[in-house]
N, C-alpha and C. Protein backbone atom coordinates (compact mmCIF):
# COMPACT_ATOMS: atom_id res chain seq x y z
N MET A 1 0.83 -1.20 0.00
CA MET A 1 0.00 0.00 0.00
C MET A 1 0.87 1.26 0.00
N LEU A 2 1.94 1.22 0.81
CA LEU A 2 2.87 2.35 0.84
C LEU A 2 3.58 2.52 -0.50
N LEU A 3 3.95 1.38 -1.10
CA LEU A 3 4.61 1.44 -2.41
C LEU A 3 3.67 2.03 -3.45
N ALA A 4 2.40 1.63 -3.42
CA ALA A 4 1.43 2.18 -4.37
C ALA A 4 1.27 3.68 -4.18
N GLU A 5 1.20 4.11 -2.92
CA GLU A 5 1.08 5.54 -2.64
C GLU A 5 2.31 6.29 -3.15
N LEU A 6 3.49 5.73 -2.91
CA LEU A 6 4.72 6.38 -3.35
C LEU A 6 4.79 6.48 -4.86
N LEU A 7 4.49 5.39 -5.54
CA LEU A 7 4.55 5.39 -7.00
C LEU A 7 3.51 6.32 -7.61
N SER A 8 2.34 6.41 -6.98
CA SER A 8 1.31 7.32 -7.50
C SER A 8 1.76 8.77 -7.41
N ARG A 9 2.55 9.08 -6.38
CA ARG A 9 3.06 10.45 -6.25
C ARG A 9 4.10 10.77 -7.31
N TYR A 10 4.70 9.72 -7.86
CA TYR A 10 5.70 9.92 -8.92
C TYR A 10 5.09 9.74 -10.30
N GLY A 11 3.76 9.83 -10.36
CA GLY A 11 3.10 9.88 -11.65
C GLY A 11 2.53 8.59 -12.18
N TRP A 12 2.67 7.50 -11.42
CA TRP A 12 2.07 6.23 -11.87
C TRP A 12 0.56 6.32 -11.72
N SER A 13 -0.15 5.85 -12.73
CA SER A 13 -1.62 5.88 -12.68
C SER A 13 -2.14 4.63 -11.97
N ALA A 14 -3.42 4.69 -11.56
CA ALA A 14 -4.05 3.53 -10.93
C ALA A 14 -4.02 2.34 -11.88
N HIS A 15 -4.15 2.60 -13.18
CA HIS A 15 -4.14 1.53 -14.17
C HIS A 15 -2.78 0.83 -14.18
N GLU A 16 -1.72 1.61 -14.04
CA GLU A 16 -0.37 1.04 -14.06
C GLU A 16 -0.04 0.29 -12.78
N LEU A 17 -0.74 0.59 -11.72
CA LEU A 17 -0.46 -0.02 -10.41
C LEU A 17 -1.31 -1.25 -10.13
N ARG A 18 -2.09 -1.69 -11.11
CA ARG A 18 -3.02 -2.80 -10.87
C ARG A 18 -2.33 -4.08 -10.41
N LEU A 19 -1.16 -4.36 -10.94
CA LEU A 19 -0.47 -5.60 -10.60
C LEU A 19 -0.09 -5.67 -9.12
N LEU A 20 0.02 -4.51 -8.48
CA LEU A 20 0.36 -4.51 -7.07
C LEU A 20 -0.73 -5.16 -6.22
N TYR A 21 -1.96 -5.18 -6.74
CA TYR A 21 -3.04 -5.81 -5.97
C TYR A 21 -2.75 -7.29 -5.78
N ALA A 22 -2.32 -7.96 -6.84
CA ALA A 22 -1.99 -9.38 -6.75
C ALA A 22 -0.86 -9.61 -5.75
N VAL A 23 0.10 -8.70 -5.73
CA VAL A 23 1.22 -8.81 -4.78
C VAL A 23 0.70 -8.66 -3.35
N LYS A 24 -0.16 -7.68 -3.12
CA LYS A 24 -0.73 -7.46 -1.77
C LYS A 24 -1.50 -8.69 -1.30
N ILE A 25 -2.33 -9.22 -2.17
CA ILE A 25 -3.14 -10.38 -1.80
C ILE A 25 -2.26 -11.59 -1.50
N ALA A 26 -1.22 -11.79 -2.32
CA ALA A 26 -0.31 -12.92 -2.11
C ALA A 26 0.42 -12.79 -0.77
N VAL A 27 0.87 -11.58 -0.45
CA VAL A 27 1.58 -11.36 0.82
C VAL A 27 0.65 -11.60 2.00
N VAL A 28 -0.55 -11.04 1.96
CA VAL A 28 -1.50 -11.21 3.07
C VAL A 28 -1.90 -12.68 3.21
N ALA A 29 -2.17 -13.35 2.10
CA ALA A 29 -2.55 -14.76 2.15
C ALA A 29 -1.42 -15.60 2.75
N ALA A 30 -0.18 -15.30 2.37
CA ALA A 30 0.97 -16.04 2.91
C ALA A 30 1.11 -15.81 4.41
N LEU A 31 0.90 -14.58 4.85
CA LEU A 31 0.99 -14.27 6.28
C LEU A 31 -0.12 -14.96 7.07
N LEU A 32 -1.33 -14.92 6.54
CA LEU A 32 -2.45 -15.59 7.21
C LEU A 32 -2.20 -17.08 7.34
N TRP A 33 -1.66 -17.68 6.30
CA TRP A 33 -1.39 -19.11 6.34
C TRP A 33 -0.26 -19.43 7.32
N THR A 34 0.80 -18.63 7.28
CA THR A 34 1.95 -18.86 8.15
C THR A 34 1.57 -18.73 9.62
N LEU A 35 0.70 -17.78 9.92
CA LEU A 35 0.34 -17.49 11.32
C LEU A 35 -0.99 -18.12 11.71
N ARG A 36 -1.47 -19.06 10.91
CA ARG A 36 -2.81 -19.61 11.13
C ARG A 36 -2.97 -20.23 12.52
N GLY A 37 -1.91 -20.76 13.10
CA GLY A 37 -2.01 -21.37 14.42
C GLY A 37 -2.24 -20.37 15.54
N ALA A 38 -1.96 -19.09 15.26
CA ALA A 38 -2.11 -18.06 16.30
C ALA A 38 -3.54 -17.53 16.39
N TYR A 39 -4.38 -17.84 15.41
CA TYR A 39 -5.73 -17.27 15.37
C TYR A 39 -6.74 -18.26 15.93
N ALA A 40 -6.89 -18.24 17.25
CA ALA A 40 -7.84 -19.16 17.89
C ALA A 40 -9.25 -18.91 17.40
N GLU A 41 -9.56 -17.67 17.03
CA GLU A 41 -10.91 -17.31 16.61
C GLU A 41 -11.28 -17.90 15.25
N LEU A 42 -10.29 -18.49 14.54
CA LEU A 42 -10.57 -19.09 13.25
C LEU A 42 -10.79 -20.60 13.34
N ARG A 43 -10.78 -21.13 14.55
CA ARG A 43 -11.12 -22.54 14.69
C ARG A 43 -12.59 -22.71 14.35
N LEU A 44 -12.90 -23.83 13.72
CA LEU A 44 -14.29 -24.05 13.32
C LEU A 44 -15.20 -24.09 14.54
N PRO A 45 -16.31 -23.38 14.49
CA PRO A 45 -17.20 -23.28 15.66
C PRO A 45 -18.00 -24.56 15.88
N HIS A 46 -18.34 -24.80 17.14
CA HIS A 46 -19.21 -25.93 17.48
C HIS A 46 -20.60 -25.38 17.77
N GLY A 47 -21.61 -26.03 17.25
CA GLY A 47 -22.97 -25.66 17.58
C GLY A 47 -23.60 -24.62 16.68
N ALA A 48 -22.81 -24.05 15.74
CA ALA A 48 -23.39 -23.07 14.82
C ALA A 48 -24.19 -23.82 13.76
N GLY A 49 -25.49 -23.54 13.68
CA GLY A 49 -26.35 -24.26 12.77
C GLY A 49 -26.62 -23.55 11.47
N VAL A 50 -27.53 -24.11 10.71
CA VAL A 50 -27.90 -23.56 9.41
C VAL A 50 -28.39 -22.12 9.54
N MET A 51 -29.12 -21.83 10.63
CA MET A 51 -29.63 -20.47 10.83
C MET A 51 -28.51 -19.44 10.89
N THR A 52 -27.43 -19.78 11.60
CA THR A 52 -26.29 -18.87 11.72
C THR A 52 -25.73 -18.50 10.36
N TRP A 53 -25.52 -19.54 9.53
CA TRP A 53 -24.92 -19.30 8.22
C TRP A 53 -25.92 -18.66 7.26
N GLY A 54 -27.19 -19.02 7.39
CA GLY A 54 -28.21 -18.41 6.54
C GLY A 54 -28.36 -16.92 6.81
N VAL A 55 -28.39 -16.56 8.09
CA VAL A 55 -28.51 -15.14 8.46
C VAL A 55 -27.29 -14.36 7.96
N ALA A 56 -26.11 -14.96 8.09
CA ALA A 56 -24.89 -14.30 7.63
C ALA A 56 -24.92 -14.06 6.12
N ALA A 57 -25.36 -15.07 5.37
CA ALA A 57 -25.43 -14.94 3.91
C ALA A 57 -26.43 -13.87 3.50
N VAL A 58 -27.59 -13.85 4.15
CA VAL A 58 -28.60 -12.83 3.84
C VAL A 58 -28.09 -11.44 4.19
N ALA A 59 -27.43 -11.32 5.34
CA ALA A 59 -26.86 -10.02 5.75
C ALA A 59 -25.85 -9.54 4.72
N GLY A 60 -25.02 -10.45 4.23
CA GLY A 60 -24.04 -10.08 3.21
C GLY A 60 -24.71 -9.58 1.94
N ALA A 61 -25.81 -10.21 1.55
CA ALA A 61 -26.55 -9.79 0.36
C ALA A 61 -27.19 -8.42 0.56
N VAL A 62 -27.72 -8.17 1.76
CA VAL A 62 -28.33 -6.88 2.07
C VAL A 62 -27.28 -5.77 2.00
N VAL A 63 -26.09 -6.03 2.54
CA VAL A 63 -25.02 -5.03 2.49
C VAL A 63 -24.63 -4.74 1.04
N PHE A 64 -24.59 -5.77 0.21
CA PHE A 64 -24.28 -5.56 -1.21
C PHE A 64 -25.30 -4.62 -1.86
N VAL A 65 -26.58 -4.88 -1.62
CA VAL A 65 -27.63 -4.03 -2.21
C VAL A 65 -27.47 -2.59 -1.73
N ALA A 66 -27.17 -2.42 -0.44
CA ALA A 66 -26.96 -1.08 0.10
C ALA A 66 -25.74 -0.43 -0.56
N TRP A 67 -24.70 -1.21 -0.76
CA TRP A 67 -23.44 -0.67 -1.27
C TRP A 67 -23.59 -0.05 -2.65
N ILE A 68 -24.42 -0.64 -3.49
CA ILE A 68 -24.55 -0.11 -4.85
C ILE A 68 -25.66 0.92 -4.97
N ASN A 69 -26.37 1.17 -3.87
CA ASN A 69 -27.46 2.15 -3.90
C ASN A 69 -27.21 3.38 -3.04
N LEU A 70 -26.41 3.27 -1.99
CA LEU A 70 -26.13 4.42 -1.12
C LEU A 70 -24.96 5.20 -1.71
N LYS A 71 -25.25 5.97 -2.74
CA LYS A 71 -24.17 6.61 -3.50
C LYS A 71 -24.42 8.10 -3.77
N ALA A 72 -25.31 8.74 -3.00
CA ALA A 72 -25.50 10.18 -3.15
C ALA A 72 -24.21 10.89 -2.74
N GLY A 73 -24.04 12.11 -3.20
CA GLY A 73 -22.82 12.85 -2.94
C GLY A 73 -22.43 12.92 -1.48
N TRP A 74 -23.41 13.16 -0.60
CA TRP A 74 -23.10 13.31 0.83
C TRP A 74 -22.77 11.96 1.49
N MET A 75 -23.01 10.88 0.76
CA MET A 75 -22.70 9.54 1.30
C MET A 75 -21.29 9.09 0.93
N GLU A 76 -20.53 9.95 0.25
CA GLU A 76 -19.20 9.59 -0.21
C GLU A 76 -18.14 10.50 0.42
N ILE A 77 -16.94 9.93 0.55
CA ILE A 77 -15.77 10.71 0.97
C ILE A 77 -14.73 10.57 -0.12
N GLY A 78 -14.36 11.68 -0.74
CA GLY A 78 -13.35 11.62 -1.79
C GLY A 78 -13.84 10.86 -3.01
N VAL A 79 -12.88 10.44 -3.82
CA VAL A 79 -13.18 9.72 -5.05
C VAL A 79 -12.37 8.43 -5.07
N SER A 80 -13.04 7.34 -5.36
CA SER A 80 -12.36 6.05 -5.42
C SER A 80 -11.78 5.82 -6.81
N ALA A 81 -10.48 5.49 -6.85
CA ALA A 81 -9.84 5.20 -8.14
C ALA A 81 -10.34 3.88 -8.69
N GLY A 82 -10.78 2.99 -7.81
CA GLY A 82 -11.28 1.69 -8.23
C GLY A 82 -10.18 0.79 -8.77
N PHE A 83 -10.60 -0.28 -9.37
CA PHE A 83 -9.67 -1.25 -9.95
C PHE A 83 -10.25 -1.69 -11.28
N ASN A 84 -9.58 -1.31 -12.36
CA ASN A 84 -10.10 -1.58 -13.69
C ASN A 84 -9.20 -2.60 -14.39
N PRO A 85 -9.66 -3.85 -14.52
CA PRO A 85 -8.83 -4.88 -15.15
C PRO A 85 -8.94 -4.91 -16.67
N SER A 86 -9.56 -3.89 -17.25
CA SER A 86 -9.75 -3.89 -18.70
C SER A 86 -8.75 -2.96 -19.38
N SER A 87 -8.58 -3.16 -20.66
CA SER A 87 -7.71 -2.31 -21.49
C SER A 87 -8.36 -2.23 -22.87
N ASP A 88 -7.62 -1.71 -23.83
CA ASP A 88 -8.17 -1.60 -25.18
C ASP A 88 -8.54 -2.97 -25.76
N ALA A 89 -7.86 -4.00 -25.26
CA ALA A 89 -8.11 -5.36 -25.77
C ALA A 89 -9.26 -6.04 -25.03
N GLY A 90 -9.86 -5.35 -24.06
CA GLY A 90 -10.95 -5.94 -23.29
C GLY A 90 -10.52 -6.26 -21.86
N ILE A 91 -11.33 -7.03 -21.16
CA ILE A 91 -11.04 -7.36 -19.76
C ILE A 91 -9.90 -8.37 -19.68
N ASP A 92 -8.93 -8.08 -18.82
CA ASP A 92 -7.87 -9.05 -18.52
C ASP A 92 -8.45 -9.98 -17.46
N TRP A 93 -8.90 -11.16 -17.88
CA TRP A 93 -9.63 -12.05 -16.99
C TRP A 93 -8.76 -12.62 -15.87
N MET A 94 -7.47 -12.76 -16.10
CA MET A 94 -6.58 -13.21 -15.02
C MET A 94 -6.52 -12.16 -13.91
N MET A 95 -6.43 -10.91 -14.32
CA MET A 95 -6.38 -9.83 -13.34
C MET A 95 -7.73 -9.69 -12.62
N ALA A 96 -8.82 -9.82 -13.37
CA ALA A 96 -10.15 -9.74 -12.77
C ALA A 96 -10.36 -10.88 -11.79
N ALA A 97 -9.90 -12.07 -12.16
CA ALA A 97 -10.04 -13.24 -11.27
C ALA A 97 -9.23 -13.06 -10.00
N ALA A 98 -8.01 -12.51 -10.13
CA ALA A 98 -7.18 -12.26 -8.95
C ALA A 98 -7.85 -11.28 -8.02
N ARG A 99 -8.44 -10.23 -8.59
CA ARG A 99 -9.15 -9.23 -7.78
C ARG A 99 -10.35 -9.85 -7.10
N LEU A 100 -11.10 -10.65 -7.83
CA LEU A 100 -12.31 -11.26 -7.28
C LEU A 100 -11.97 -12.27 -6.18
N MET A 101 -10.98 -13.13 -6.42
CA MET A 101 -10.60 -14.13 -5.43
C MET A 101 -10.01 -13.48 -4.18
N GLY A 102 -9.25 -12.42 -4.38
CA GLY A 102 -8.71 -11.69 -3.22
C GLY A 102 -9.83 -11.10 -2.38
N ALA A 103 -10.82 -10.52 -3.06
CA ALA A 103 -11.94 -9.88 -2.36
C ALA A 103 -12.81 -10.89 -1.62
N ILE A 104 -12.91 -12.10 -2.15
CA ILE A 104 -13.78 -13.11 -1.54
C ILE A 104 -13.08 -13.93 -0.48
N LEU A 105 -11.82 -14.34 -0.74
CA LEU A 105 -11.15 -15.31 0.11
C LEU A 105 -10.17 -14.70 1.12
N VAL A 106 -9.55 -13.58 0.76
CA VAL A 106 -8.50 -13.02 1.63
C VAL A 106 -8.98 -11.81 2.43
N VAL A 107 -9.61 -10.86 1.75
CA VAL A 107 -10.04 -9.63 2.42
C VAL A 107 -10.99 -9.89 3.60
N PRO A 108 -12.01 -10.73 3.46
CA PRO A 108 -12.90 -10.97 4.62
C PRO A 108 -12.16 -11.53 5.83
N LEU A 109 -11.24 -12.46 5.61
CA LEU A 109 -10.46 -13.01 6.73
C LEU A 109 -9.63 -11.92 7.39
N MET A 110 -8.87 -11.19 6.58
CA MET A 110 -7.98 -10.17 7.09
C MET A 110 -8.74 -9.07 7.82
N GLU A 111 -9.79 -8.55 7.19
CA GLU A 111 -10.51 -7.42 7.78
C GLU A 111 -11.31 -7.83 9.01
N GLU A 112 -11.92 -8.99 8.99
CA GLU A 112 -12.70 -9.40 10.16
C GLU A 112 -11.80 -9.73 11.35
N LEU A 113 -10.62 -10.28 11.09
CA LEU A 113 -9.65 -10.48 12.17
C LEU A 113 -9.29 -9.15 12.81
N PHE A 114 -9.11 -8.13 11.99
CA PHE A 114 -8.73 -6.82 12.53
C PHE A 114 -9.91 -6.07 13.14
N TRP A 115 -10.95 -5.83 12.34
CA TRP A 115 -12.03 -4.95 12.77
C TRP A 115 -12.91 -5.54 13.87
N ARG A 116 -13.26 -6.80 13.74
CA ARG A 116 -14.15 -7.42 14.72
C ARG A 116 -13.38 -8.12 15.82
N SER A 117 -12.56 -9.11 15.46
CA SER A 117 -11.91 -9.92 16.48
C SER A 117 -10.95 -9.10 17.33
N PHE A 118 -10.16 -8.24 16.69
CA PHE A 118 -9.21 -7.44 17.45
C PHE A 118 -9.79 -6.11 17.92
N LEU A 119 -10.05 -5.19 16.99
CA LEU A 119 -10.34 -3.81 17.37
C LEU A 119 -11.57 -3.66 18.25
N MET A 120 -12.67 -4.26 17.87
CA MET A 120 -13.89 -4.09 18.66
C MET A 120 -13.69 -4.59 20.08
N ARG A 121 -13.06 -5.74 20.22
CA ARG A 121 -12.83 -6.28 21.56
C ARG A 121 -11.74 -5.51 22.31
N TRP A 122 -10.73 -5.01 21.58
CA TRP A 122 -9.65 -4.24 22.20
C TRP A 122 -10.17 -2.92 22.77
N ILE A 123 -11.13 -2.31 22.07
CA ILE A 123 -11.74 -1.07 22.59
C ILE A 123 -12.43 -1.36 23.92
N ALA A 124 -13.05 -2.53 24.00
CA ALA A 124 -13.73 -2.91 25.25
C ALA A 124 -12.73 -3.20 26.36
N ARG A 125 -11.63 -3.85 25.99
CA ARG A 125 -10.63 -4.26 26.99
C ARG A 125 -9.35 -4.62 26.27
N HIS A 126 -8.22 -4.08 26.73
CA HIS A 126 -6.96 -4.28 26.02
C HIS A 126 -6.53 -5.74 26.02
N ASP A 127 -6.95 -6.51 26.99
CA ASP A 127 -6.75 -7.96 26.97
C ASP A 127 -7.88 -8.56 26.14
N PHE A 128 -7.87 -8.25 24.83
CA PHE A 128 -9.05 -8.48 23.98
C PHE A 128 -9.41 -9.95 23.81
N LEU A 129 -8.43 -10.84 23.88
CA LEU A 129 -8.73 -12.26 23.69
C LEU A 129 -9.61 -12.81 24.80
N ALA A 130 -9.64 -12.12 25.93
CA ALA A 130 -10.47 -12.56 27.05
C ALA A 130 -11.90 -12.05 26.95
N VAL A 131 -12.18 -11.23 25.94
CA VAL A 131 -13.51 -10.62 25.79
C VAL A 131 -14.38 -11.50 24.89
N GLU A 132 -15.50 -11.95 25.42
CA GLU A 132 -16.45 -12.68 24.59
C GLU A 132 -17.12 -11.68 23.64
N PRO A 133 -17.32 -12.05 22.38
CA PRO A 133 -17.92 -11.11 21.42
C PRO A 133 -19.20 -10.46 21.92
N ALA A 134 -20.06 -11.22 22.56
CA ALA A 134 -21.35 -10.69 23.02
C ALA A 134 -21.19 -9.65 24.11
N ARG A 135 -20.02 -9.61 24.76
CA ARG A 135 -19.80 -8.69 25.87
C ARG A 135 -18.88 -7.52 25.50
N ALA A 136 -18.71 -7.29 24.20
CA ALA A 136 -17.85 -6.18 23.78
C ALA A 136 -18.42 -4.83 24.20
N GLY A 137 -19.74 -4.71 24.24
CA GLY A 137 -20.38 -3.49 24.71
C GLY A 137 -20.71 -2.50 23.61
N SER A 138 -21.61 -1.57 23.93
CA SER A 138 -22.11 -0.61 22.94
C SER A 138 -21.04 0.38 22.50
N ARG A 139 -20.17 0.79 23.43
CA ARG A 139 -19.11 1.75 23.08
C ARG A 139 -18.19 1.17 22.01
N ALA A 140 -17.73 -0.05 22.23
CA ALA A 140 -16.86 -0.70 21.26
C ALA A 140 -17.60 -0.94 19.95
N PHE A 141 -18.86 -1.28 20.03
CA PHE A 141 -19.69 -1.52 18.85
C PHE A 141 -19.74 -0.26 17.99
N VAL A 142 -20.07 0.87 18.59
CA VAL A 142 -20.25 2.13 17.85
C VAL A 142 -18.93 2.62 17.28
N ILE A 143 -17.88 2.63 18.09
CA ILE A 143 -16.59 3.16 17.63
C ILE A 143 -16.03 2.32 16.48
N SER A 144 -16.08 1.00 16.61
CA SER A 144 -15.53 0.15 15.55
C SER A 144 -16.35 0.27 14.26
N ALA A 145 -17.67 0.40 14.39
CA ALA A 145 -18.51 0.55 13.20
C ALA A 145 -18.22 1.88 12.50
N LEU A 146 -18.04 2.95 13.28
CA LEU A 146 -17.74 4.26 12.69
C LEU A 146 -16.38 4.26 12.01
N LEU A 147 -15.39 3.67 12.64
CA LEU A 147 -14.05 3.61 12.04
C LEU A 147 -14.08 2.78 10.75
N PHE A 148 -14.83 1.68 10.77
CA PHE A 148 -14.98 0.86 9.58
C PHE A 148 -15.66 1.66 8.47
N ALA A 149 -16.63 2.49 8.84
CA ALA A 149 -17.34 3.31 7.85
C ALA A 149 -16.39 4.27 7.15
N PHE A 150 -15.58 4.96 7.93
CA PHE A 150 -14.73 6.00 7.35
C PHE A 150 -13.45 5.46 6.74
N GLU A 151 -13.28 4.15 6.77
CA GLU A 151 -12.20 3.52 6.01
C GLU A 151 -12.61 3.41 4.55
N HIS A 152 -13.89 3.54 4.27
CA HIS A 152 -14.41 3.34 2.92
C HIS A 152 -14.85 4.66 2.28
N ASN A 153 -14.71 4.70 0.97
CA ASN A 153 -15.15 5.85 0.20
C ASN A 153 -16.65 6.07 0.36
N LEU A 154 -17.43 4.99 0.29
CA LEU A 154 -18.87 5.07 0.52
C LEU A 154 -19.12 4.86 2.01
N TRP A 155 -19.01 5.94 2.78
CA TRP A 155 -18.97 5.80 4.23
C TRP A 155 -20.30 5.31 4.82
N LEU A 156 -21.43 5.71 4.25
CA LEU A 156 -22.70 5.28 4.81
C LEU A 156 -22.92 3.79 4.58
N ALA A 157 -22.58 3.32 3.39
CA ALA A 157 -22.66 1.89 3.12
C ALA A 157 -21.68 1.14 4.02
N GLY A 158 -20.50 1.74 4.23
CA GLY A 158 -19.52 1.13 5.12
C GLY A 158 -20.01 1.06 6.56
N LEU A 159 -20.74 2.09 6.98
CA LEU A 159 -21.30 2.09 8.33
C LEU A 159 -22.34 0.98 8.48
N LEU A 160 -23.20 0.84 7.49
CA LEU A 160 -24.21 -0.23 7.52
C LEU A 160 -23.53 -1.60 7.58
N ALA A 161 -22.48 -1.76 6.76
CA ALA A 161 -21.74 -3.02 6.77
C ALA A 161 -21.12 -3.27 8.14
N GLY A 162 -20.52 -2.23 8.72
CA GLY A 162 -19.91 -2.38 10.04
C GLY A 162 -20.91 -2.78 11.10
N VAL A 163 -22.09 -2.19 11.05
CA VAL A 163 -23.15 -2.52 12.01
C VAL A 163 -23.60 -3.97 11.83
N PHE A 164 -23.84 -4.37 10.59
CA PHE A 164 -24.28 -5.74 10.32
C PHE A 164 -23.23 -6.76 10.75
N TYR A 165 -21.98 -6.52 10.36
CA TYR A 165 -20.92 -7.49 10.68
C TYR A 165 -20.67 -7.54 12.19
N ASN A 166 -20.73 -6.39 12.86
CA ASN A 166 -20.60 -6.38 14.32
C ASN A 166 -21.70 -7.21 14.98
N LEU A 167 -22.93 -6.98 14.53
CA LEU A 167 -24.06 -7.72 15.11
C LEU A 167 -23.91 -9.22 14.90
N LEU A 168 -23.50 -9.60 13.71
CA LEU A 168 -23.32 -11.02 13.43
C LEU A 168 -22.29 -11.64 14.36
N TYR A 169 -21.20 -10.93 14.57
CA TYR A 169 -20.14 -11.44 15.44
C TYR A 169 -20.61 -11.56 16.88
N MET A 170 -21.28 -10.52 17.35
CA MET A 170 -21.71 -10.51 18.75
C MET A 170 -22.83 -11.52 19.00
N ARG A 171 -23.73 -11.67 18.04
CA ARG A 171 -24.86 -12.59 18.25
C ARG A 171 -24.47 -14.05 18.07
N SER A 172 -23.59 -14.33 17.11
CA SER A 172 -23.24 -15.73 16.83
C SER A 172 -22.10 -16.23 17.71
N GLY A 173 -21.21 -15.31 18.12
CA GLY A 173 -20.06 -15.71 18.92
C GLY A 173 -18.93 -16.32 18.12
N THR A 174 -19.09 -16.40 16.80
CA THR A 174 -18.03 -16.94 15.95
C THR A 174 -17.66 -15.93 14.88
N LEU A 175 -16.37 -15.76 14.66
CA LEU A 175 -15.91 -14.81 13.66
C LEU A 175 -16.26 -15.26 12.25
N TRP A 176 -16.54 -16.56 12.07
CA TRP A 176 -16.87 -17.06 10.75
C TRP A 176 -18.19 -16.51 10.23
N SER A 177 -19.05 -16.04 11.12
CA SER A 177 -20.32 -15.47 10.68
C SER A 177 -20.11 -14.16 9.91
N PRO A 178 -19.40 -13.15 10.48
CA PRO A 178 -19.14 -11.95 9.68
C PRO A 178 -18.19 -12.21 8.52
N ILE A 179 -17.30 -13.19 8.64
CA ILE A 179 -16.43 -13.52 7.51
C ILE A 179 -17.27 -13.98 6.33
N LEU A 180 -18.24 -14.86 6.59
CA LEU A 180 -19.12 -15.34 5.52
C LEU A 180 -19.92 -14.19 4.93
N ALA A 181 -20.50 -13.34 5.77
CA ALA A 181 -21.28 -12.21 5.28
C ALA A 181 -20.42 -11.29 4.42
N HIS A 182 -19.23 -11.00 4.89
CA HIS A 182 -18.30 -10.13 4.17
C HIS A 182 -17.94 -10.75 2.82
N ALA A 183 -17.71 -12.06 2.80
CA ALA A 183 -17.37 -12.76 1.56
C ALA A 183 -18.53 -12.72 0.57
N VAL A 184 -19.76 -12.89 1.07
CA VAL A 184 -20.94 -12.82 0.20
C VAL A 184 -21.08 -11.42 -0.38
N THR A 185 -20.92 -10.40 0.46
CA THR A 185 -20.99 -9.01 -0.03
C THR A 185 -19.98 -8.80 -1.15
N ASN A 186 -18.72 -9.19 -0.90
CA ASN A 186 -17.67 -8.95 -1.88
C ASN A 186 -17.85 -9.78 -3.14
N ALA A 187 -18.37 -11.00 -2.99
CA ALA A 187 -18.61 -11.83 -4.17
C ALA A 187 -19.68 -11.22 -5.06
N LEU A 188 -20.80 -10.83 -4.47
CA LEU A 188 -21.88 -10.22 -5.25
C LEU A 188 -21.43 -8.91 -5.87
N LEU A 189 -20.69 -8.11 -5.09
CA LEU A 189 -20.20 -6.83 -5.61
C LEU A 189 -19.24 -7.05 -6.77
N GLY A 190 -18.35 -8.03 -6.62
CA GLY A 190 -17.39 -8.30 -7.68
C GLY A 190 -18.04 -8.74 -8.98
N VAL A 191 -19.00 -9.64 -8.88
CA VAL A 191 -19.72 -10.10 -10.08
C VAL A 191 -20.48 -8.93 -10.70
N TRP A 192 -21.12 -8.11 -9.87
CA TRP A 192 -21.87 -6.95 -10.38
C TRP A 192 -20.94 -5.95 -11.06
N VAL A 193 -19.76 -5.70 -10.47
CA VAL A 193 -18.80 -4.76 -11.05
C VAL A 193 -18.33 -5.25 -12.42
N ILE A 194 -18.01 -6.53 -12.52
CA ILE A 194 -17.55 -7.08 -13.80
C ILE A 194 -18.67 -7.02 -14.84
N TYR A 195 -19.89 -7.33 -14.41
CA TYR A 195 -21.02 -7.34 -15.34
C TYR A 195 -21.37 -5.94 -15.83
N THR A 196 -21.32 -4.96 -14.93
CA THR A 196 -21.75 -3.59 -15.28
C THR A 196 -20.61 -2.68 -15.71
N GLY A 197 -19.38 -3.05 -15.36
CA GLY A 197 -18.25 -2.18 -15.67
C GLY A 197 -18.12 -0.98 -14.75
N ASN A 198 -18.78 -1.01 -13.60
CA ASN A 198 -18.66 0.08 -12.63
C ASN A 198 -17.40 -0.14 -11.78
N TRP A 199 -16.25 0.09 -12.41
CA TRP A 199 -14.97 -0.27 -11.76
C TRP A 199 -14.66 0.57 -10.53
N SER A 200 -15.25 1.73 -10.39
CA SER A 200 -14.97 2.57 -9.23
C SER A 200 -15.41 1.90 -7.93
N TYR A 201 -16.33 0.92 -8.01
CA TYR A 201 -16.78 0.22 -6.81
C TYR A 201 -15.76 -0.82 -6.34
N TRP A 202 -14.74 -1.06 -7.15
CA TRP A 202 -13.67 -1.99 -6.81
C TRP A 202 -12.50 -1.21 -6.28
């Protein structure tokens, strides 16, 4: 990310920096795999039934619908450069696939580990691993949702996503619930972006 920022200041366009996305995803995926034993919250949950996963999938779909509709000027911060895998020759499907797979398989794991498992519980108590998701509290819920919102260009859609994912984590007690919802959101968004060509949403 720092390299992309540096190169952009030296005149590189977003189009020229697209390959860095594959590098970022590969690095994050390698780190997640290497450190997989340290993430107790990624152990498969016991007792989570069909309802848990069904609610998560529906929540992810609702966030997707909100994401492509909450786009009035006051709902945005700045301008998103997006990710455009196309050129004069058409869509580079390898690049589009890398973007889509990263958004579905890597980003939800990485972001939910940070935003929900770590940050929300850390706000409640610095010994965050000792905090049960359901006991994170309203203060941690609100602050983490707001921070998640303003990490995104579409801040209102980001806020809704943060609220939904927080609720899923706190109600289910397993991080896999918001991970699934996040993956569903990103999968639907990715397919919609490729189909419509609205690359700024990427």
